[in-house]
Amino acid sequence: MSTTEKIIVKENKVLKLNTVLIRDVNENEFKYIGKVAYMMESYIKSKGNSSIGPMINYSTAKADENGQVKIMLKLMVQLKNPIHNVEDTYEIKNQIRVTNCLFARFSEKQENLQFAYSKLQLYAFENNIKLKGDNYTVFVESKDDKMIADVFMEIDKGGLTVEGL
């Protein structure tokens, strides 16, 4: 039995991203997410720019006009320099700051990443914490068959919004 914790949970963490390129991913592209990420990296290079740090995955669920729940997904990456006049597919934000988050550091096989989300939701339930329902997953590192990912889930404080997104 390993003594290394696979999922470490902390409260009151802040996610701060600077010079962020954002791309909405529509439902038809979900199964081609790797291709979408590659195209995003190619776009950055074509603009003579480079990314700083890992790719960030933002997701939330929203109900449409018929009451059907839709998954909203955005890929985000921090840039070395801003890109001016980005194409319609992309948007750029100077800063995204998400305060008061539950945080999990996940160190395990990628197929087990779902347990990090579940552990944060269980932690929130046990501690009477209401979550907003969105999450940011920062893919820190991937080696062999293991990965390190940081998951941030914003705590719902009743009416406060994310600064910048």
N, C-alpha and C. Protein backbone atom coordinates (compact mmCIF):
# COMPACT_ATOMS: atom_id res chain seq x y z
N MET A 1 0.85 -1.19 0.00
CA MET A 1 0.00 0.00 0.00
C MET A 1 0.88 1.24 0.00
N SER A 2 0.64 2.13 -0.90
CA SER A 2 1.42 3.36 -1.04
C SER A 2 1.02 4.36 0.05
N THR A 3 2.00 5.08 0.57
CA THR A 3 1.71 6.10 1.57
C THR A 3 1.44 7.46 0.93
N THR A 4 1.64 7.56 -0.38
CA THR A 4 1.38 8.80 -1.09
C THR A 4 -0.12 8.96 -1.30
N GLU A 5 -0.64 10.12 -0.91
CA GLU A 5 -2.06 10.38 -1.12
C GLU A 5 -2.31 10.63 -2.60
N LYS A 6 -3.37 10.02 -3.10
CA LYS A 6 -3.71 10.16 -4.51
C LYS A 6 -4.48 11.44 -4.78
N ILE A 7 -5.27 11.88 -3.78
CA ILE A 7 -6.06 13.11 -3.92
C ILE A 7 -5.96 13.88 -2.61
N ILE A 8 -5.39 15.07 -2.67
CA ILE A 8 -5.25 15.94 -1.50
C ILE A 8 -6.23 17.10 -1.67
N VAL A 9 -7.07 17.34 -0.67
CA VAL A 9 -8.09 18.40 -0.74
C VAL A 9 -7.70 19.55 0.18
N LYS A 10 -7.90 20.77 -0.32
CA LYS A 10 -7.67 21.98 0.48
C LYS A 10 -8.80 22.97 0.21
N GLU A 11 -9.05 23.82 1.20
CA GLU A 11 -10.08 24.85 1.06
C GLU A 11 -9.43 26.21 0.82
N ASN A 12 -10.27 27.14 0.37
CA ASN A 12 -9.89 28.56 0.27
C ASN A 12 -8.72 28.83 -0.66
N LYS A 13 -8.66 28.12 -1.78
CA LYS A 13 -7.59 28.33 -2.74
C LYS A 13 -8.06 29.32 -3.81
N VAL A 14 -7.09 29.98 -4.45
CA VAL A 14 -7.37 30.95 -5.51
C VAL A 14 -6.72 30.47 -6.80
N LEU A 15 -7.48 30.50 -7.88
CA LEU A 15 -6.94 30.23 -9.20
C LEU A 15 -6.76 31.57 -9.90
N LYS A 16 -5.54 31.85 -10.31
CA LYS A 16 -5.26 33.12 -10.99
C LYS A 16 -4.53 32.81 -12.29
N LEU A 17 -5.12 33.25 -13.39
CA LEU A 17 -4.55 33.04 -14.71
C LEU A 17 -4.38 34.40 -15.39
N ASN A 18 -3.26 34.59 -16.06
CA ASN A 18 -2.98 35.84 -16.76
C ASN A 18 -2.82 35.61 -18.25
N THR A 19 -3.25 36.58 -19.04
CA THR A 19 -3.16 36.55 -20.49
C THR A 19 -3.65 35.19 -21.00
N VAL A 20 -4.94 34.97 -20.91
CA VAL A 20 -5.55 33.66 -21.17
C VAL A 20 -6.25 33.64 -22.53
N LEU A 21 -5.86 32.67 -23.36
CA LEU A 21 -6.55 32.41 -24.61
C LEU A 21 -7.60 31.34 -24.32
N ILE A 22 -8.85 31.60 -24.74
CA ILE A 22 -9.97 30.72 -24.42
C ILE A 22 -10.64 30.28 -25.71
N ARG A 23 -10.98 28.99 -25.76
CA ARG A 23 -11.74 28.47 -26.90
C ARG A 23 -12.89 27.63 -26.38
N ASP A 24 -14.11 28.00 -26.78
CA ASP A 24 -15.28 27.18 -26.48
C ASP A 24 -15.19 25.90 -27.29
N VAL A 25 -15.56 24.80 -26.67
CA VAL A 25 -15.58 23.51 -27.36
C VAL A 25 -17.04 23.09 -27.43
N ASN A 26 -17.54 22.92 -28.66
CA ASN A 26 -18.95 22.50 -28.78
C ASN A 26 -19.07 21.00 -28.62
N GLU A 27 -20.28 20.53 -28.37
CA GLU A 27 -20.51 19.12 -28.07
C GLU A 27 -20.00 18.18 -29.15
N ASN A 28 -20.07 18.60 -30.42
CA ASN A 28 -19.59 17.76 -31.51
C ASN A 28 -18.09 17.53 -31.45
N GLU A 29 -17.36 18.42 -30.76
CA GLU A 29 -15.90 18.34 -30.70
C GLU A 29 -15.39 17.60 -29.46
N PHE A 30 -16.28 17.23 -28.54
CA PHE A 30 -15.84 16.60 -27.28
C PHE A 30 -14.95 15.39 -27.51
N LYS A 31 -15.33 14.54 -28.47
CA LYS A 31 -14.54 13.33 -28.68
C LYS A 31 -13.23 13.62 -29.43
N TYR A 32 -13.08 14.82 -29.95
CA TYR A 32 -11.85 15.21 -30.65
C TYR A 32 -11.08 16.27 -29.86
N ILE A 33 -11.19 16.23 -28.54
CA ILE A 33 -10.62 17.27 -27.69
C ILE A 33 -9.10 17.40 -27.89
N GLY A 34 -8.43 16.28 -28.12
CA GLY A 34 -6.99 16.31 -28.37
C GLY A 34 -6.66 17.11 -29.63
N LYS A 35 -7.45 16.92 -30.67
CA LYS A 35 -7.26 17.66 -31.92
C LYS A 35 -7.52 19.15 -31.71
N VAL A 36 -8.57 19.47 -30.95
CA VAL A 36 -8.90 20.87 -30.67
C VAL A 36 -7.75 21.54 -29.91
N ALA A 37 -7.19 20.83 -28.92
CA ALA A 37 -6.05 21.36 -28.15
C ALA A 37 -4.84 21.56 -29.06
N TYR A 38 -4.60 20.62 -29.95
CA TYR A 38 -3.48 20.73 -30.90
C TYR A 38 -3.67 21.94 -31.82
N MET A 39 -4.88 22.13 -32.32
CA MET A 39 -5.18 23.26 -33.19
C MET A 39 -4.99 24.58 -32.44
N MET A 40 -5.33 24.59 -31.16
CA MET A 40 -5.15 25.79 -30.35
C MET A 40 -3.66 26.11 -30.20
N GLU A 41 -2.85 25.09 -29.92
CA GLU A 41 -1.40 25.29 -29.81
C GLU A 41 -0.82 25.77 -31.15
N SER A 42 -1.30 25.21 -32.25
CA SER A 42 -0.84 25.64 -33.58
C SER A 42 -1.20 27.09 -33.85
N TYR A 43 -2.40 27.49 -33.44
CA TYR A 43 -2.84 28.88 -33.61
C TYR A 43 -1.91 29.82 -32.84
N ILE A 44 -1.57 29.46 -31.62
CA ILE A 44 -0.68 30.27 -30.79
C ILE A 44 0.68 30.44 -31.48
N LYS A 45 1.22 29.34 -31.99
CA LYS A 45 2.52 29.39 -32.69
C LYS A 45 2.43 30.22 -33.95
N SER A 46 1.30 30.10 -34.68
CA SER A 46 1.14 30.86 -35.93
C SER A 46 1.12 32.36 -35.68
N LYS A 47 0.78 32.76 -34.46
CA LYS A 47 0.77 34.17 -34.09
C LYS A 47 2.11 34.61 -33.50
N GLY A 48 3.12 33.71 -33.56
CA GLY A 48 4.45 34.04 -33.04
C GLY A 48 4.49 34.10 -31.53
N ASN A 49 3.62 33.36 -30.89
CA ASN A 49 3.49 33.40 -29.44
C ASN A 49 3.77 32.01 -28.87
N SER A 50 3.78 31.92 -27.57
CA SER A 50 3.93 30.61 -26.93
C SER A 50 3.11 30.59 -25.64
N SER A 51 2.80 29.37 -25.23
CA SER A 51 2.01 29.22 -24.01
C SER A 51 2.93 29.12 -22.80
N ILE A 52 2.37 29.48 -21.65
CA ILE A 52 3.07 29.37 -20.37
C ILE A 52 2.25 28.41 -19.53
N GLY A 53 2.87 27.36 -19.08
CA GLY A 53 2.17 26.42 -18.22
C GLY A 53 1.26 25.50 -19.00
N PRO A 54 0.53 24.69 -18.26
CA PRO A 54 -0.30 23.65 -18.87
C PRO A 54 -1.65 24.15 -19.38
N MET A 55 -2.30 23.31 -20.13
CA MET A 55 -3.66 23.56 -20.62
C MET A 55 -4.62 23.47 -19.43
N ILE A 56 -5.65 24.31 -19.47
CA ILE A 56 -6.67 24.32 -18.42
C ILE A 56 -8.01 24.01 -19.08
N ASN A 57 -8.77 23.16 -18.43
CA ASN A 57 -10.06 22.74 -18.92
C ASN A 57 -11.12 23.32 -17.98
N TYR A 58 -12.04 24.12 -18.50
CA TYR A 58 -13.14 24.67 -17.70
C TYR A 58 -14.42 23.97 -18.13
N SER A 59 -15.20 23.51 -17.17
CA SER A 59 -16.48 22.91 -17.54
C SER A 59 -17.56 23.28 -16.52
N THR A 60 -18.76 23.34 -17.02
CA THR A 60 -19.94 23.59 -16.20
C THR A 60 -21.13 23.00 -16.93
N ALA A 61 -22.24 22.88 -16.24
CA ALA A 61 -23.47 22.38 -16.85
C ALA A 61 -24.52 23.49 -16.80
N LYS A 62 -25.23 23.68 -17.90
CA LYS A 62 -26.28 24.69 -17.97
C LYS A 62 -27.51 24.07 -18.61
N ALA A 63 -28.67 24.52 -18.18
CA ALA A 63 -29.92 24.07 -18.78
C ALA A 63 -30.25 24.97 -19.97
N ASP A 64 -30.65 24.35 -21.09
CA ASP A 64 -31.06 25.15 -22.25
C ASP A 64 -32.53 25.56 -22.11
N GLU A 65 -33.08 26.19 -23.15
CA GLU A 65 -34.45 26.70 -23.08
C GLU A 65 -35.49 25.59 -22.91
N ASN A 66 -35.12 24.34 -23.24
CA ASN A 66 -36.04 23.19 -23.08
C ASN A 66 -35.82 22.45 -21.77
N GLY A 67 -34.92 22.95 -20.94
CA GLY A 67 -34.64 22.31 -19.67
C GLY A 67 -33.64 21.17 -19.76
N GLN A 68 -33.09 20.95 -20.95
CA GLN A 68 -32.07 19.91 -21.15
C GLN A 68 -30.72 20.42 -20.65
N VAL A 69 -30.03 19.58 -19.89
CA VAL A 69 -28.73 19.96 -19.36
C VAL A 69 -27.67 19.79 -20.44
N LYS A 70 -26.89 20.83 -20.63
CA LYS A 70 -25.80 20.83 -21.62
C LYS A 70 -24.49 21.06 -20.89
N ILE A 71 -23.49 20.32 -21.29
CA ILE A 71 -22.14 20.52 -20.75
C ILE A 71 -21.47 21.62 -21.55
N MET A 72 -20.96 22.62 -20.84
CA MET A 72 -20.21 23.71 -21.47
C MET A 72 -18.74 23.47 -21.17
N LEU A 73 -17.91 23.47 -22.20
CA LEU A 73 -16.49 23.19 -22.04
C LEU A 73 -15.68 24.27 -22.73
N LYS A 74 -14.63 24.72 -22.04
CA LYS A 74 -13.70 25.70 -22.60
C LYS A 74 -12.29 25.19 -22.37
N LEU A 75 -11.44 25.35 -23.38
CA LEU A 75 -10.01 25.10 -23.21
C LEU A 75 -9.35 26.45 -23.03
N MET A 76 -8.42 26.52 -22.08
CA MET A 76 -7.74 27.77 -21.79
C MET A 76 -6.24 27.51 -21.68
N VAL A 77 -5.47 28.51 -22.09
CA VAL A 77 -4.03 28.43 -21.94
C VAL A 77 -3.51 29.85 -21.69
N GLN A 78 -2.52 29.94 -20.82
CA GLN A 78 -1.89 31.23 -20.55
C GLN A 78 -0.83 31.48 -21.61
N LEU A 79 -0.75 32.72 -22.06
CA LEU A 79 0.18 33.09 -23.12
C LEU A 79 1.34 33.92 -22.59
N LYS A 80 2.46 33.80 -23.28
CA LYS A 80 3.63 34.61 -22.94
C LYS A 80 3.33 36.09 -23.22
N ASN A 81 2.68 36.36 -24.35
CA ASN A 81 2.31 37.72 -24.75
C ASN A 81 0.86 37.72 -25.22
N PRO A 82 0.16 38.86 -25.09
CA PRO A 82 -1.22 38.90 -25.58
C PRO A 82 -1.27 38.79 -27.11
N ILE A 83 -2.36 38.26 -27.61
CA ILE A 83 -2.62 38.24 -29.05
C ILE A 83 -3.70 39.28 -29.30
N HIS A 84 -3.43 40.19 -30.21
CA HIS A 84 -4.42 41.22 -30.53
C HIS A 84 -5.22 40.76 -31.74
N ASN A 85 -6.48 41.14 -31.79
CA ASN A 85 -7.37 40.76 -32.89
C ASN A 85 -7.44 39.25 -33.09
N VAL A 86 -7.85 38.53 -32.05
CA VAL A 86 -7.97 37.08 -32.16
C VAL A 86 -9.14 36.71 -33.06
N GLU A 87 -9.05 35.54 -33.68
CA GLU A 87 -10.12 35.05 -34.55
C GLU A 87 -11.38 34.79 -33.72
N ASP A 88 -12.52 34.73 -34.41
CA ASP A 88 -13.81 34.54 -33.74
C ASP A 88 -13.86 33.28 -32.88
N THR A 89 -13.12 32.26 -33.23
CA THR A 89 -13.13 31.00 -32.49
C THR A 89 -12.58 31.19 -31.07
N TYR A 90 -11.77 32.21 -30.89
CA TYR A 90 -11.07 32.42 -29.62
C TYR A 90 -11.47 33.73 -28.97
N GLU A 91 -11.20 33.80 -27.68
CA GLU A 91 -11.28 35.08 -26.97
C GLU A 91 -10.07 35.16 -26.06
N ILE A 92 -9.72 36.37 -25.67
CA ILE A 92 -8.57 36.55 -24.79
C ILE A 92 -8.99 37.37 -23.59
N LYS A 93 -8.53 36.97 -22.43
CA LYS A 93 -8.79 37.70 -21.18
C LYS A 93 -7.46 38.07 -20.56
N ASN A 94 -7.36 39.30 -20.08
CA ASN A 94 -6.12 39.72 -19.42
C ASN A 94 -5.89 38.92 -18.15
N GLN A 95 -6.97 38.68 -17.40
CA GLN A 95 -6.82 37.92 -16.16
C GLN A 95 -8.13 37.22 -15.81
N ILE A 96 -8.00 36.01 -15.29
CA ILE A 96 -9.12 35.29 -14.70
C ILE A 96 -8.69 34.97 -13.28
N ARG A 97 -9.51 35.39 -12.35
CA ARG A 97 -9.22 35.17 -10.93
C ARG A 97 -10.46 34.56 -10.29
N VAL A 98 -10.32 33.35 -9.79
CA VAL A 98 -11.43 32.65 -9.16
C VAL A 98 -11.03 32.44 -7.70
N THR A 99 -11.74 33.11 -6.81
CA THR A 99 -11.39 33.06 -5.39
C THR A 99 -12.25 32.03 -4.67
N ASN A 100 -11.83 31.67 -3.48
CA ASN A 100 -12.59 30.81 -2.59
C ASN A 100 -13.00 29.49 -3.24
N CYS A 101 -12.01 28.72 -3.62
CA CYS A 101 -12.25 27.43 -4.28
C CYS A 101 -11.90 26.27 -3.36
N LEU A 102 -12.60 25.17 -3.55
CA LEU A 102 -12.12 23.89 -3.05
C LEU A 102 -11.10 23.42 -4.09
N PHE A 103 -10.07 22.78 -3.61
CA PHE A 103 -8.95 22.41 -4.47
C PHE A 103 -8.57 20.95 -4.22
N ALA A 104 -8.27 20.24 -5.28
CA ALA A 104 -7.75 18.87 -5.15
C ALA A 104 -6.51 18.73 -6.02
N ARG A 105 -5.45 18.19 -5.43
CA ARG A 105 -4.26 17.81 -6.21
C ARG A 105 -4.40 16.31 -6.45
N PHE A 106 -4.52 15.94 -7.72
CA PHE A 106 -4.72 14.55 -8.12
C PHE A 106 -3.42 13.98 -8.66
N SER A 107 -2.98 12.84 -8.13
CA SER A 107 -1.76 12.16 -8.59
C SER A 107 -2.08 10.68 -8.77
N GLU A 108 -2.44 10.31 -9.98
CA GLU A 108 -2.84 8.93 -10.24
C GLU A 108 -3.00 8.73 -11.74
N LYS A 109 -3.56 7.60 -12.14
CA LYS A 109 -3.83 7.33 -13.54
C LYS A 109 -4.95 8.23 -14.05
N GLN A 110 -4.82 8.67 -15.30
CA GLN A 110 -5.79 9.61 -15.87
C GLN A 110 -7.22 9.09 -15.82
N GLU A 111 -7.40 7.80 -16.02
CA GLU A 111 -8.77 7.27 -16.02
C GLU A 111 -9.44 7.37 -14.66
N ASN A 112 -8.69 7.68 -13.61
CA ASN A 112 -9.25 7.83 -12.27
C ASN A 112 -9.50 9.30 -11.88
N LEU A 113 -9.31 10.21 -12.81
CA LEU A 113 -9.48 11.64 -12.52
C LEU A 113 -10.88 11.95 -11.99
N GLN A 114 -11.88 11.20 -12.42
CA GLN A 114 -13.26 11.42 -11.96
C GLN A 114 -13.36 11.39 -10.44
N PHE A 115 -12.46 10.63 -9.78
CA PHE A 115 -12.52 10.52 -8.33
C PHE A 115 -12.12 11.83 -7.64
N ALA A 116 -11.30 12.65 -8.29
CA ALA A 116 -10.95 13.95 -7.73
C ALA A 116 -12.20 14.84 -7.67
N TYR A 117 -12.99 14.83 -8.74
CA TYR A 117 -14.24 15.60 -8.76
C TYR A 117 -15.20 15.07 -7.68
N SER A 118 -15.31 13.76 -7.62
CA SER A 118 -16.20 13.14 -6.63
C SER A 118 -15.77 13.44 -5.20
N LYS A 119 -14.45 13.41 -4.97
CA LYS A 119 -13.95 13.68 -3.62
C LYS A 119 -14.23 15.12 -3.21
N LEU A 120 -14.07 16.06 -4.13
CA LEU A 120 -14.38 17.46 -3.82
C LEU A 120 -15.87 17.62 -3.53
N GLN A 121 -16.72 16.97 -4.32
CA GLN A 121 -18.16 17.06 -4.10
C GLN A 121 -18.55 16.44 -2.76
N LEU A 122 -17.95 15.31 -2.41
CA LEU A 122 -18.22 14.67 -1.13
C LEU A 122 -17.73 15.54 0.03
N TYR A 123 -16.54 16.12 -0.13
CA TYR A 123 -15.98 17.01 0.90
C TYR A 123 -16.93 18.19 1.12
N ALA A 124 -17.42 18.77 0.02
CA ALA A 124 -18.36 19.90 0.13
C ALA A 124 -19.63 19.47 0.85
N PHE A 125 -20.15 18.32 0.51
CA PHE A 125 -21.36 17.80 1.15
C PHE A 125 -21.15 17.61 2.65
N GLU A 126 -20.04 16.96 3.02
CA GLU A 126 -19.78 16.68 4.44
C GLU A 126 -19.53 17.93 5.26
N ASN A 127 -19.08 19.00 4.61
CA ASN A 127 -18.75 20.24 5.32
C ASN A 127 -19.76 21.35 5.06
N ASN A 128 -20.94 20.98 4.53
CA ASN A 128 -22.01 21.96 4.25
C ASN A 128 -21.54 23.13 3.41
N ILE A 129 -20.79 22.82 2.37
CA ILE A 129 -20.28 23.83 1.44
C ILE A 129 -21.08 23.71 0.15
N LYS A 130 -21.60 24.82 -0.34
CA LYS A 130 -22.35 24.80 -1.59
C LYS A 130 -21.40 25.19 -2.73
N LEU A 131 -21.33 24.35 -3.74
CA LEU A 131 -20.47 24.62 -4.90
C LEU A 131 -21.28 25.27 -6.00
N LYS A 132 -20.61 26.09 -6.83
CA LYS A 132 -21.28 26.74 -7.96
C LYS A 132 -21.64 25.76 -9.06
N GLY A 133 -20.85 24.69 -9.18
CA GLY A 133 -21.14 23.70 -10.22
C GLY A 133 -20.19 23.73 -11.39
N ASP A 134 -19.20 24.61 -11.34
CA ASP A 134 -18.21 24.63 -12.41
C ASP A 134 -16.88 24.13 -11.86
N ASN A 135 -15.97 23.80 -12.77
CA ASN A 135 -14.65 23.40 -12.31
C ASN A 135 -13.59 23.74 -13.33
N TYR A 136 -12.40 23.94 -12.83
CA TYR A 136 -11.22 24.21 -13.64
C TYR A 136 -10.23 23.09 -13.36
N THR A 137 -9.79 22.42 -14.40
CA THR A 137 -8.82 21.34 -14.25
C THR A 137 -7.53 21.76 -14.95
N VAL A 138 -6.46 21.85 -14.17
CA VAL A 138 -5.15 22.25 -14.68
C VAL A 138 -4.33 20.97 -14.82
N PHE A 139 -3.97 20.62 -16.05
CA PHE A 139 -3.21 19.40 -16.30
C PHE A 139 -1.73 19.70 -16.12
N VAL A 140 -1.24 19.47 -14.91
CA VAL A 140 0.10 19.88 -14.50
C VAL A 140 1.19 19.05 -15.17
N GLU A 141 1.03 17.73 -15.14
CA GLU A 141 2.10 16.86 -15.63
C GLU A 141 1.54 15.50 -16.00
N SER A 142 2.16 14.86 -16.98
CA SER A 142 1.79 13.51 -17.36
C SER A 142 3.06 12.72 -17.64
N LYS A 143 3.25 11.65 -16.87
CA LYS A 143 4.43 10.80 -17.05
C LYS A 143 4.00 9.35 -17.01
N ASP A 144 4.52 8.58 -17.95
CA ASP A 144 4.19 7.16 -18.02
C ASP A 144 2.68 6.98 -17.98
N ASP A 145 2.17 6.27 -17.00
CA ASP A 145 0.72 6.06 -16.92
C ASP A 145 0.07 6.89 -15.83
N LYS A 146 0.81 7.85 -15.27
CA LYS A 146 0.26 8.69 -14.20
C LYS A 146 0.23 10.16 -14.62
N MET A 147 -0.64 10.89 -13.96
CA MET A 147 -0.74 12.32 -14.23
C MET A 147 -0.89 13.08 -12.92
N ILE A 148 -0.57 14.36 -12.98
CA ILE A 148 -0.85 15.27 -11.88
C ILE A 148 -1.77 16.34 -12.44
N ALA A 149 -2.89 16.53 -11.76
CA ALA A 149 -3.85 17.55 -12.17
C ALA A 149 -4.35 18.28 -10.93
N ASP A 150 -4.57 19.57 -11.07
CA ASP A 150 -5.15 20.38 -10.01
C ASP A 150 -6.58 20.72 -10.41
N VAL A 151 -7.52 20.43 -9.52
CA VAL A 151 -8.93 20.69 -9.79
C VAL A 151 -9.40 21.76 -8.82
N PHE A 152 -9.99 22.82 -9.37
CA PHE A 152 -10.55 23.92 -8.58
C PHE A 152 -12.06 23.93 -8.80
N MET A 153 -12.82 23.94 -7.70
CA MET A 153 -14.27 24.09 -7.76
C MET A 153 -14.66 25.30 -6.92
N GLU A 154 -15.32 26.23 -7.57
CA GLU A 154 -15.69 27.48 -6.91
C GLU A 154 -16.82 27.27 -5.92
N ILE A 155 -16.66 27.84 -4.74
CA ILE A 155 -17.69 27.78 -3.71
C ILE A 155 -18.72 28.87 -3.99
N ASP A 156 -19.99 28.50 -3.90
CA ASP A 156 -21.09 29.43 -4.15
C ASP A 156 -21.34 30.25 -2.89
N LYS A 157 -21.07 31.53 -2.98
CA LYS A 157 -21.28 32.43 -1.84
C LYS A 157 -22.57 33.22 -2.00
N GLY A 158 -23.41 32.81 -2.95
CA GLY A 158 -24.71 33.46 -3.11
C GLY A 158 -24.64 34.75 -3.88
N GLY A 159 -24.50 34.65 -5.19
CA GLY A 159 -24.57 35.85 -6.03
C GLY A 159 -23.25 36.39 -6.50
N LEU A 160 -22.14 35.96 -5.92
CA LEU A 160 -20.85 36.45 -6.40
C LEU A 160 -20.50 35.75 -7.69
N THR A 161 -19.79 36.44 -8.57
CA THR A 161 -19.45 35.86 -9.86
C THR A 161 -17.95 35.76 -10.01
N VAL A 162 -17.54 34.99 -10.99
CA VAL A 162 -16.12 34.85 -11.29
C VAL A 162 -15.62 36.16 -11.86
N GLU A 163 -14.47 36.59 -11.34
CA GLU A 163 -13.90 37.84 -11.84
C GLU A 163 -13.21 37.56 -13.16
N GLY A 164 -13.77 38.06 -14.26
CA GLY A 164 -13.07 37.99 -15.53
C GLY A 164 -13.59 36.99 -16.53
N LEU A 165 -14.28 35.92 -16.11
CA LEU A 165 -14.70 34.92 -17.11
C LEU A 165 -16.12 35.17 -17.54
